[in-house]
Amino acid sequence: MRAYLSGAIEYAPDHGRPWRAALMPFLESLGHDFYDPAHDEKKNLTDEERANFRAWKTADLPRFQQTIRKIIAWDLEWIADRTDYIICFWDEHAGKGAGTQGELTLAYHLGIPVYLVTGVPVERISGWILGCSTEIFSSFEELQSFLVAQRAPLAATNANSQAATD
């Protein structure tokens, strides 16, 4: 199983790294792989693009757009081709950008489960985002309990399948 870790990066003061880093050991303990777009700054960019694209937003908008489109394509391809489920942390910063909304919309369209962890009251989250979400949790602890519970039936199914082939 592979999770895509979605949430604010551009407008988050910590670039959305701490919650992702805190969740990774848990996912590893389940045997799940994950993709952290906040950690992967290289993506499919050249060294020059990676070093300069943020400055190009004000200094060279066409070049910025060209580069950001590469990032968009990279992330959306990861979701479409390599992701089994999305974990999204929706806080006050997520609503300022657009990437998270696009990721969740694509996942919904493709039938990829979206597990939304709320960092703000549900009534402050867009109906679109809530509609794209498969399950909604008020904490990472709730999400973790859910994933552990989901793992047990999957492990039993895999064990039964293996026994049938032996």
Protein backbone atom coordinates (compact mmCIF):
# COMPACT_ATOMS: atom_id res chain seq x y z
CA MET A 1 0.00 0.00 0.00
CA ARG A 2 1.25 3.47 -0.84
CA ALA A 3 -0.06 6.71 0.65
CA TYR A 4 0.29 10.17 -0.84
CA LEU A 5 0.64 12.82 1.90
CA SER A 6 -1.41 15.83 0.82
CA GLY A 7 -1.75 19.19 2.53
CA ALA A 8 -0.45 22.74 2.61
CA ILE A 9 3.13 23.33 1.52
CA GLU A 10 3.35 26.71 -0.19
CA TYR A 11 1.47 28.72 2.44
CA ALA A 12 2.36 26.67 5.53
CA PRO A 13 5.07 28.38 7.59
CA ASP A 14 6.73 24.99 8.18
CA HIS A 15 6.05 23.88 4.56
CA GLY A 16 3.88 21.06 5.93
CA ARG A 17 6.88 18.98 6.90
CA PRO A 18 6.37 18.24 10.64
CA TRP A 19 3.02 16.42 10.42
CA ARG A 20 4.28 14.34 7.51
CA ALA A 21 7.51 13.44 9.31
CA ALA A 22 5.59 12.47 12.45
CA LEU A 23 3.28 10.17 10.46
CA MET A 24 5.98 8.36 8.48
CA PRO A 25 7.16 5.93 11.21
CA PHE A 26 3.56 4.83 11.77
CA LEU A 27 3.03 4.15 8.07
CA GLU A 28 6.30 2.24 7.95
CA SER A 29 5.14 0.14 10.93
CA LEU A 30 2.11 -0.90 8.85
CA GLY A 31 4.39 -1.83 5.97
CA HIS A 32 2.97 1.02 3.89
CA ASP A 33 5.07 3.10 1.55
CA PHE A 34 4.38 6.81 1.12
CA TYR A 35 5.20 9.79 -1.02
CA ASP A 36 5.90 13.11 0.69
CA PRO A 37 5.69 15.95 -1.85
CA ALA A 38 6.96 18.43 0.76
CA HIS A 39 10.19 16.46 1.16
CA ASP A 40 10.74 15.82 -2.55
CA GLU A 41 11.89 19.25 -3.67
CA LYS A 42 13.71 17.88 -6.71
CA LYS A 43 10.73 16.16 -8.32
CA ASN A 44 11.28 16.41 -12.07
CA LEU A 45 13.00 19.82 -11.96
CA THR A 46 16.40 20.85 -13.16
CA ASP A 47 18.78 22.24 -10.55
CA GLU A 48 18.22 25.74 -11.96
CA GLU A 49 14.43 25.40 -11.78
CA ARG A 50 14.54 24.09 -8.22
CA ALA A 51 16.82 26.93 -7.11
CA ASN A 52 14.92 29.75 -8.83
CA PHE A 53 11.29 28.94 -9.50
CA ARG A 54 9.94 30.67 -6.39
CA ALA A 55 11.69 33.91 -7.35
CA TRP A 56 10.36 33.58 -10.90
CA LYS A 57 6.81 33.93 -9.53
CA THR A 58 7.39 37.69 -9.40
CA ALA A 59 10.42 38.11 -11.67
CA ASP A 60 9.49 35.88 -14.64
CA LEU A 61 5.90 34.66 -14.49
CA PRO A 62 5.96 32.64 -17.75
CA ARG A 63 9.04 30.75 -16.58
CA PHE A 64 7.42 30.20 -13.18
CA GLN A 65 4.29 28.83 -14.85
CA GLN A 66 6.33 26.49 -17.01
CA THR A 67 8.13 25.15 -13.95
CA ILE A 68 5.09 24.89 -11.70
CA ARG A 69 3.31 22.96 -14.44
CA LYS A 70 6.08 20.38 -14.27
CA ILE A 71 5.49 20.06 -10.51
CA ILE A 72 1.73 19.76 -11.03
CA ALA A 73 2.20 17.02 -13.63
CA TRP A 74 4.65 15.16 -11.37
CA ASP A 75 2.34 15.20 -8.35
CA LEU A 76 -0.81 14.30 -10.28
CA GLU A 77 0.96 11.43 -12.03
CA TRP A 78 2.09 10.15 -8.62
CA ILE A 79 -1.51 10.12 -7.45
CA ALA A 80 -2.95 8.59 -10.61
CA ASP A 81 -0.29 5.93 -11.18
CA ARG A 82 1.30 5.08 -7.84
CA THR A 83 -1.11 5.90 -5.01
CA ASP A 84 -3.46 3.55 -3.16
CA TYR A 85 -4.84 6.18 -0.78
CA ILE A 86 -4.32 9.80 0.24
CA ILE A 87 -3.84 11.15 3.72
CA CYS A 88 -4.66 14.85 3.77
CA PHE A 89 -4.14 17.24 6.64
CA TRP A 90 -6.55 20.13 6.19
CA ASP A 91 -5.58 23.14 8.30
CA GLU A 92 -5.90 26.92 7.95
CA HIS A 93 -3.06 26.96 5.40
CA ALA A 94 -4.48 24.31 3.06
CA GLY A 95 -7.33 26.56 1.94
CA LYS A 96 -4.92 29.28 0.80
CA GLY A 97 -3.35 27.19 -1.95
CA ALA A 98 -4.88 25.10 -4.70
CA GLY A 99 -2.68 22.02 -4.99
CA THR A 100 -4.35 20.11 -2.18
CA GLN A 101 -7.79 20.76 -3.66
CA GLY A 102 -6.62 19.53 -7.05
CA GLU A 103 -5.05 16.40 -5.55
CA LEU A 104 -8.20 15.48 -3.63
CA THR A 105 -10.42 16.15 -6.64
CA LEU A 106 -8.28 13.89 -8.84
CA ALA A 107 -8.28 11.16 -6.20
CA TYR A 108 -12.06 11.36 -5.87
CA HIS A 109 -12.45 11.20 -9.65
CA LEU A 110 -10.20 8.13 -9.86
CA GLY A 111 -11.83 6.38 -6.88
CA ILE A 112 -8.72 6.64 -4.69
CA PRO A 113 -9.68 6.83 -0.98
CA VAL A 114 -9.03 10.17 0.72
CA TYR A 115 -8.54 10.16 4.48
CA LEU A 116 -8.93 13.72 5.71
CA VAL A 117 -7.53 14.80 9.06
CA THR A 118 -9.00 18.11 10.16
CA GLY A 119 -6.91 20.83 11.72
CA VAL A 120 -9.86 23.23 11.71
CA PRO A 121 -13.55 22.76 12.52
CA VAL A 122 -15.43 20.84 9.81
CA GLU A 123 -17.78 23.77 9.23
CA ARG A 124 -14.77 25.82 8.03
CA ILE A 125 -13.83 23.23 5.39
CA SER A 126 -15.16 23.57 1.85
CA GLY A 127 -18.02 21.29 0.95
CA TRP A 128 -16.03 20.27 -2.13
CA ILE A 129 -13.19 18.99 0.05
CA LEU A 130 -15.59 17.17 2.36
CA GLY A 131 -17.27 15.64 -0.69
CA CYS A 132 -13.94 14.34 -2.00
CA SER A 133 -13.11 12.75 1.36
CA THR A 134 -13.78 9.06 2.00
CA GLU A 135 -13.30 9.28 5.78
CA ILE A 136 -12.88 12.33 8.02
CA PHE A 137 -10.89 12.30 11.27
CA SER A 138 -10.49 14.94 13.95
CA SER A 139 -6.97 13.77 14.83
CA PHE A 140 -4.06 11.73 13.54
CA GLU A 141 -4.69 9.28 16.39
CA GLU A 142 -8.17 8.57 14.99
CA LEU A 143 -6.68 8.06 11.52
CA GLN A 144 -4.05 5.69 12.89
CA SER A 145 -6.67 3.61 14.72
CA PHE A 146 -8.68 3.41 11.50
CA LEU A 147 -5.67 2.31 9.45
CA VAL A 148 -4.75 -0.35 12.00
CA ALA A 149 -8.33 -1.66 11.92
CA GLN A 150 -8.29 -1.67 8.10
CA ARG A 151 -5.02 -3.59 8.10
CA ALA A 152 -6.37 -6.53 10.15
CA PRO A 153 -8.97 -7.68 7.56
CA LEU A 154 -6.44 -7.13 4.76
CA ALA A 155 -3.82 -9.25 6.56
CA ALA A 156 -6.39 -12.02 7.13
CA THR A 157 -7.42 -11.94 3.46
CA ASN A 158 -3.78 -12.14 2.35
CA ALA A 159 -3.11 -15.03 4.75
CA ASN A 160 -6.16 -16.93 3.44
CA SER A 161 -5.07 -16.31 -0.16
CA GLN A 162 -1.56 -17.54 0.61
CA ALA A 163 -2.91 -20.68 2.36
CA ALA A 164 -5.12 -21.44 -0.65
CA THR A 165 -2.13 -21.33 -3.01
CA ASP A 166 0.08 -23.53 -0.78
